[in-house]
Amino acid sequence: MYILECSDGTFYTGSTNNLERRVAEHQGSHLDKATSSLLDDRGANYTGKRRPIKLVYYEEYSRIDEAFYREKQVQGWSHKKKLALIEGKPELLPQLAKKIFATNRPRSNSR
């Protein structure tokens, strides 16, 4: 499972069994094993419009289904929560997971 930072400051979360190749694809190129040459435009649609990208975080799993589960979990997180993970501040994750609800306000009776 990996997190990329895009040129517009947003994060992209994905999973792969070959991180180096996948990051190169997101960057807009990949190595063709048959010809040993770089090919273009195999990155995700999201990152293709926000290049250059930078790998800012990754976790390794022995099974791809575990990485995919973690990817889906992190994808649902806020920007601030992902940033805490990236910056190595796991103690902030529980407080960033809490939703802040508006206080109970009297309803207006405008009809």
N, C-alpha and C. Protein backbone atom coordinates (compact mmCIF):
# COMPACT_ATOMS: atom_id res chain seq x y z
N MET A 1 0.86 -1.16 0.00
CA MET A 1 0.00 0.00 0.00
C MET A 1 0.91 1.22 0.00
N TYR A 2 0.56 2.20 -0.82
CA TYR A 2 1.41 3.38 -0.94
C TYR A 2 0.57 4.64 -1.02
N ILE A 3 1.21 5.76 -0.68
CA ILE A 3 0.59 7.07 -0.81
C ILE A 3 1.54 7.94 -1.63
N LEU A 4 0.96 8.59 -2.65
CA LEU A 4 1.71 9.54 -3.46
C LEU A 4 1.22 10.94 -3.16
N GLU A 5 2.12 11.89 -3.18
CA GLU A 5 1.73 13.29 -3.11
C GLU A 5 1.78 13.85 -4.52
N CYS A 6 0.68 14.45 -4.94
CA CYS A 6 0.59 15.01 -6.29
C CYS A 6 1.03 16.47 -6.29
N SER A 7 1.26 17.00 -7.48
CA SER A 7 1.76 18.37 -7.61
C SER A 7 0.79 19.40 -7.05
N ASP A 8 -0.50 19.05 -6.95
CA ASP A 8 -1.48 20.00 -6.39
C ASP A 8 -1.66 19.84 -4.88
N GLY A 9 -0.82 18.99 -4.25
CA GLY A 9 -0.87 18.81 -2.81
C GLY A 9 -1.82 17.73 -2.34
N THR A 10 -2.56 17.11 -3.25
CA THR A 10 -3.47 16.03 -2.87
C THR A 10 -2.70 14.73 -2.75
N PHE A 11 -3.33 13.75 -2.11
CA PHE A 11 -2.72 12.44 -1.95
C PHE A 11 -3.48 11.41 -2.78
N TYR A 12 -2.74 10.46 -3.32
CA TYR A 12 -3.31 9.32 -4.04
C TYR A 12 -2.86 8.08 -3.29
N THR A 13 -3.80 7.19 -2.98
CA THR A 13 -3.49 5.96 -2.27
C THR A 13 -3.75 4.77 -3.18
N GLY A 14 -2.81 3.84 -3.22
CA GLY A 14 -2.96 2.66 -4.07
C GLY A 14 -2.26 1.46 -3.46
N SER A 15 -2.35 0.34 -4.16
CA SER A 15 -1.63 -0.86 -3.73
C SER A 15 -1.09 -1.55 -4.98
N THR A 16 0.01 -2.26 -4.81
CA THR A 16 0.67 -2.92 -5.93
C THR A 16 1.59 -4.01 -5.41
N ASN A 17 2.01 -4.90 -6.30
CA ASN A 17 3.01 -5.89 -5.91
C ASN A 17 4.39 -5.51 -6.46
N ASN A 18 4.49 -4.34 -7.11
CA ASN A 18 5.77 -3.85 -7.61
C ASN A 18 5.76 -2.32 -7.50
N LEU A 19 6.20 -1.83 -6.37
CA LEU A 19 6.11 -0.40 -6.06
C LEU A 19 6.91 0.46 -7.03
N GLU A 20 8.13 0.08 -7.32
CA GLU A 20 8.97 0.87 -8.21
C GLU A 20 8.32 1.02 -9.59
N ARG A 21 7.84 -0.07 -10.14
CA ARG A 21 7.19 -0.02 -11.45
C ARG A 21 5.93 0.85 -11.41
N ARG A 22 5.13 0.68 -10.35
CA ARG A 22 3.86 1.40 -10.28
C ARG A 22 4.08 2.90 -10.12
N VAL A 23 5.06 3.31 -9.33
CA VAL A 23 5.36 4.74 -9.17
C VAL A 23 5.81 5.31 -10.52
N ALA A 24 6.63 4.57 -11.25
CA ALA A 24 7.06 5.02 -12.58
C ALA A 24 5.86 5.17 -13.50
N GLU A 25 4.90 4.27 -13.42
CA GLU A 25 3.69 4.37 -14.24
C GLU A 25 2.89 5.62 -13.87
N HIS A 26 2.76 5.88 -12.57
CA HIS A 26 2.06 7.10 -12.14
C HIS A 26 2.78 8.34 -12.63
N GLN A 27 4.10 8.27 -12.68
CA GLN A 27 4.89 9.42 -13.12
C GLN A 27 4.77 9.61 -14.64
N GLY A 28 4.23 8.59 -15.30
CA GLY A 28 4.00 8.72 -16.73
C GLY A 28 4.89 7.86 -17.59
N SER A 29 5.61 6.95 -16.96
CA SER A 29 6.45 6.06 -17.75
C SER A 29 6.61 4.73 -17.04
N HIS A 30 6.97 3.74 -17.81
CA HIS A 30 7.30 2.44 -17.25
C HIS A 30 8.32 1.77 -18.16
N LEU A 31 9.01 0.81 -17.62
CA LEU A 31 10.05 0.13 -18.38
C LEU A 31 9.45 -1.06 -19.12
N ASP A 32 9.63 -1.08 -20.43
CA ASP A 32 9.21 -2.22 -21.24
C ASP A 32 10.31 -3.27 -21.14
N LYS A 33 10.02 -4.40 -20.50
CA LYS A 33 11.04 -5.43 -20.27
C LYS A 33 11.59 -5.99 -21.57
N ALA A 34 10.77 -6.08 -22.61
CA ALA A 34 11.21 -6.66 -23.88
C ALA A 34 12.25 -5.79 -24.57
N THR A 35 12.07 -4.47 -24.49
CA THR A 35 12.98 -3.57 -25.21
C THR A 35 13.87 -2.75 -24.29
N SER A 36 13.64 -2.84 -22.97
CA SER A 36 14.37 -2.05 -21.98
C SER A 36 14.27 -0.55 -22.24
N SER A 37 13.12 -0.12 -22.78
CA SER A 37 12.92 1.30 -23.03
C SER A 37 11.74 1.80 -22.21
N LEU A 38 11.73 3.11 -21.97
CA LEU A 38 10.65 3.70 -21.20
C LEU A 38 9.45 3.98 -22.09
N LEU A 39 8.27 3.59 -21.62
CA LEU A 39 7.02 3.85 -22.32
C LEU A 39 6.22 4.83 -21.48
N ASP A 40 5.29 5.53 -22.10
CA ASP A 40 4.55 6.59 -21.41
C ASP A 40 3.09 6.24 -21.17
N ASP A 41 2.49 7.04 -20.25
CA ASP A 41 1.04 7.12 -20.02
C ASP A 41 0.36 5.85 -19.56
N ARG A 42 0.89 5.21 -18.52
CA ARG A 42 0.21 4.08 -17.92
C ARG A 42 -0.20 4.37 -16.49
N GLY A 43 -0.08 5.61 -16.05
CA GLY A 43 -0.45 5.96 -14.69
C GLY A 43 -1.95 6.02 -14.51
N ALA A 44 -2.38 6.15 -13.28
CA ALA A 44 -3.80 6.29 -12.98
C ALA A 44 -4.31 7.61 -13.55
N ASN A 45 -5.58 7.63 -13.87
CA ASN A 45 -6.20 8.84 -14.41
C ASN A 45 -6.01 10.02 -13.45
N TYR A 46 -6.18 9.78 -12.16
CA TYR A 46 -6.06 10.85 -11.16
C TYR A 46 -4.67 11.46 -11.17
N THR A 47 -3.64 10.64 -11.09
CA THR A 47 -2.28 11.17 -11.01
C THR A 47 -1.78 11.69 -12.35
N GLY A 48 -2.32 11.18 -13.44
CA GLY A 48 -1.90 11.63 -14.76
C GLY A 48 -2.13 13.11 -14.96
N LYS A 49 -3.11 13.65 -14.27
CA LYS A 49 -3.45 15.07 -14.40
C LYS A 49 -2.76 15.92 -13.33
N ARG A 50 -2.00 15.29 -12.45
CA ARG A 50 -1.42 16.00 -11.31
C ARG A 50 0.08 15.73 -11.15
N ARG A 51 0.75 15.49 -12.25
CA ARG A 51 2.19 15.22 -12.21
C ARG A 51 2.96 16.52 -12.07
N PRO A 52 4.14 16.45 -11.51
CA PRO A 52 4.82 15.25 -11.04
C PRO A 52 4.28 14.78 -9.70
N ILE A 53 4.48 13.52 -9.43
CA ILE A 53 4.06 12.92 -8.17
C ILE A 53 5.31 12.51 -7.39
N LYS A 54 5.11 12.29 -6.08
CA LYS A 54 6.23 11.88 -5.23
C LYS A 54 5.72 10.80 -4.27
N LEU A 55 6.46 9.72 -4.16
CA LEU A 55 6.13 8.68 -3.18
C LEU A 55 6.45 9.22 -1.80
N VAL A 56 5.45 9.29 -0.91
CA VAL A 56 5.68 9.85 0.42
C VAL A 56 5.48 8.83 1.53
N TYR A 57 4.90 7.66 1.21
CA TYR A 57 4.65 6.68 2.26
C TYR A 57 4.35 5.33 1.62
N TYR A 58 4.78 4.25 2.27
CA TYR A 58 4.37 2.92 1.85
C TYR A 58 4.43 1.95 3.01
N GLU A 59 3.63 0.91 2.91
CA GLU A 59 3.62 -0.21 3.85
C GLU A 59 3.72 -1.49 3.03
N GLU A 60 4.43 -2.48 3.55
CA GLU A 60 4.56 -3.76 2.85
C GLU A 60 3.73 -4.82 3.54
N TYR A 61 3.10 -5.66 2.73
CA TYR A 61 2.27 -6.76 3.21
C TYR A 61 2.68 -8.02 2.48
N SER A 62 2.53 -9.16 3.13
CA SER A 62 2.88 -10.42 2.49
C SER A 62 1.80 -10.89 1.51
N ARG A 63 0.60 -10.37 1.67
CA ARG A 63 -0.51 -10.75 0.78
C ARG A 63 -1.14 -9.50 0.18
N ILE A 64 -1.44 -9.56 -1.12
CA ILE A 64 -2.01 -8.40 -1.81
C ILE A 64 -3.39 -8.05 -1.28
N ASP A 65 -4.16 -9.04 -0.81
CA ASP A 65 -5.49 -8.72 -0.28
C ASP A 65 -5.39 -7.88 0.99
N GLU A 66 -4.35 -8.09 1.78
CA GLU A 66 -4.15 -7.26 2.97
C GLU A 66 -3.79 -5.83 2.57
N ALA A 67 -2.94 -5.69 1.56
CA ALA A 67 -2.57 -4.36 1.08
C ALA A 67 -3.79 -3.65 0.49
N PHE A 68 -4.62 -4.39 -0.25
CA PHE A 68 -5.81 -3.80 -0.85
C PHE A 68 -6.79 -3.36 0.23
N TYR A 69 -6.95 -4.16 1.29
CA TYR A 69 -7.82 -3.78 2.40
C TYR A 69 -7.32 -2.48 3.05
N ARG A 70 -6.01 -2.41 3.29
CA ARG A 70 -5.43 -1.22 3.91
C ARG A 70 -5.58 -0.01 2.98
N GLU A 71 -5.39 -0.22 1.68
CA GLU A 71 -5.58 0.86 0.71
C GLU A 71 -6.98 1.46 0.83
N LYS A 72 -7.99 0.59 0.86
CA LYS A 72 -9.37 1.07 0.94
C LYS A 72 -9.62 1.79 2.26
N GLN A 73 -9.00 1.32 3.34
CA GLN A 73 -9.15 1.98 4.63
C GLN A 73 -8.58 3.39 4.58
N VAL A 74 -7.35 3.52 4.10
CA VAL A 74 -6.67 4.81 4.08
C VAL A 74 -7.32 5.76 3.07
N GLN A 75 -7.85 5.24 1.98
CA GLN A 75 -8.51 6.09 0.99
C GLN A 75 -9.67 6.87 1.60
N GLY A 76 -10.30 6.30 2.61
CA GLY A 76 -11.43 6.97 3.25
C GLY A 76 -11.03 8.03 4.27
N TRP A 77 -9.76 8.17 4.52
CA TRP A 77 -9.29 9.12 5.52
C TRP A 77 -9.22 10.54 4.97
N SER A 78 -9.26 11.49 5.88
CA SER A 78 -9.11 12.90 5.52
C SER A 78 -7.64 13.17 5.15
N HIS A 79 -7.43 14.31 4.52
CA HIS A 79 -6.08 14.74 4.17
C HIS A 79 -5.21 14.85 5.43
N LYS A 80 -5.77 15.43 6.50
CA LYS A 80 -5.02 15.60 7.75
C LYS A 80 -4.63 14.26 8.36
N LYS A 81 -5.52 13.29 8.30
CA LYS A 81 -5.22 11.99 8.89
C LYS A 81 -4.14 11.27 8.07
N LYS A 82 -4.21 11.36 6.75
CA LYS A 82 -3.16 10.78 5.91
C LYS A 82 -1.83 11.45 6.19
N LEU A 83 -1.84 12.76 6.38
CA LEU A 83 -0.62 13.49 6.66
C LEU A 83 0.01 13.03 7.97
N ALA A 84 -0.80 12.78 8.98
CA ALA A 84 -0.28 12.28 10.26
C ALA A 84 0.38 10.91 10.07
N LEU A 85 -0.21 10.06 9.25
CA LEU A 85 0.38 8.75 8.96
C LEU A 85 1.72 8.94 8.25
N ILE A 86 1.74 9.77 7.25
CA ILE A 86 2.95 10.03 6.47
C ILE A 86 4.06 10.60 7.36
N GLU A 87 3.70 11.49 8.26
CA GLU A 87 4.68 12.14 9.13
C GLU A 87 5.08 11.29 10.33
N GLY A 88 4.55 10.06 10.42
CA GLY A 88 4.92 9.17 11.52
C GLY A 88 4.37 9.60 12.86
N LYS A 89 3.14 10.11 12.87
CA LYS A 89 2.50 10.56 14.10
C LYS A 89 1.24 9.75 14.38
N PRO A 90 1.40 8.46 14.66
CA PRO A 90 0.23 7.59 14.84
C PRO A 90 -0.62 7.98 16.04
N GLU A 91 -0.05 8.70 16.99
CA GLU A 91 -0.81 9.12 18.16
C GLU A 91 -1.93 10.10 17.80
N LEU A 92 -1.81 10.76 16.65
CA LEU A 92 -2.83 11.72 16.20
C LEU A 92 -4.01 11.05 15.48
N LEU A 93 -3.81 9.81 15.04
CA LEU A 93 -4.84 9.16 14.22
C LEU A 93 -6.19 9.03 14.91
N PRO A 94 -6.25 8.61 16.18
CA PRO A 94 -7.58 8.48 16.82
C PRO A 94 -8.34 9.80 16.89
N GLN A 95 -7.67 10.88 17.24
CA GLN A 95 -8.38 12.15 17.34
C GLN A 95 -8.79 12.67 15.97
N LEU A 96 -8.01 12.37 14.93
CA LEU A 96 -8.36 12.80 13.58
C LEU A 96 -9.47 11.95 12.98
N ALA A 97 -9.75 10.82 13.60
CA ALA A 97 -10.81 9.94 13.11
C ALA A 97 -12.18 10.38 13.60
N LYS A 98 -12.20 11.20 14.62
CA LYS A 98 -13.48 11.61 15.20
C LYS A 98 -14.15 12.67 14.34
N LYS A 99 -15.41 12.46 14.08
CA LYS A 99 -16.18 13.43 13.31
C LYS A 99 -16.61 14.56 14.24
N ILE A 100 -16.59 15.75 13.71
CA ILE A 100 -17.04 16.92 14.46
C ILE A 100 -18.41 17.30 13.92
N PHE A 101 -19.38 17.24 14.79
CA PHE A 101 -20.74 17.57 14.40
C PHE A 101 -21.08 18.97 14.89
N ALA A 102 -21.91 19.63 14.12
CA ALA A 102 -22.37 20.97 14.52
C ALA A 102 -23.16 20.83 15.81
N THR A 103 -23.05 21.83 16.66
CA THR A 103 -23.81 21.79 17.90
C THR A 103 -25.29 21.93 17.59
N ASN A 104 -26.10 21.45 18.48
CA ASN A 104 -27.54 21.55 18.26
C ASN A 104 -27.94 23.01 18.24
N ARG A 105 -28.51 23.40 17.14
CA ARG A 105 -28.97 24.76 16.97
C ARG A 105 -30.48 24.74 16.80
N PRO A 106 -31.15 25.76 17.30
CA PRO A 106 -32.59 25.81 17.08
C PRO A 106 -32.88 25.91 15.58
N ARG A 107 -33.89 25.17 15.16
CA ARG A 107 -34.28 25.23 13.76
C ARG A 107 -35.12 26.46 13.49
N SER A 108 -34.92 27.02 12.34
CA SER A 108 -35.76 28.16 11.97
C SER A 108 -37.09 27.63 11.44
N ASN A 109 -38.12 28.36 11.66
CA ASN A 109 -39.44 27.93 11.22
C ASN A 109 -39.85 28.61 9.91
N SER A 110 -38.88 28.90 9.08
CA SER A 110 -39.22 29.54 7.80
C SER A 110 -39.76 28.50 6.83
N ARG A 111 -40.94 28.77 6.33
CA ARG A 111 -41.58 27.85 5.38
C ARG A 111 -42.00 28.56 4.16
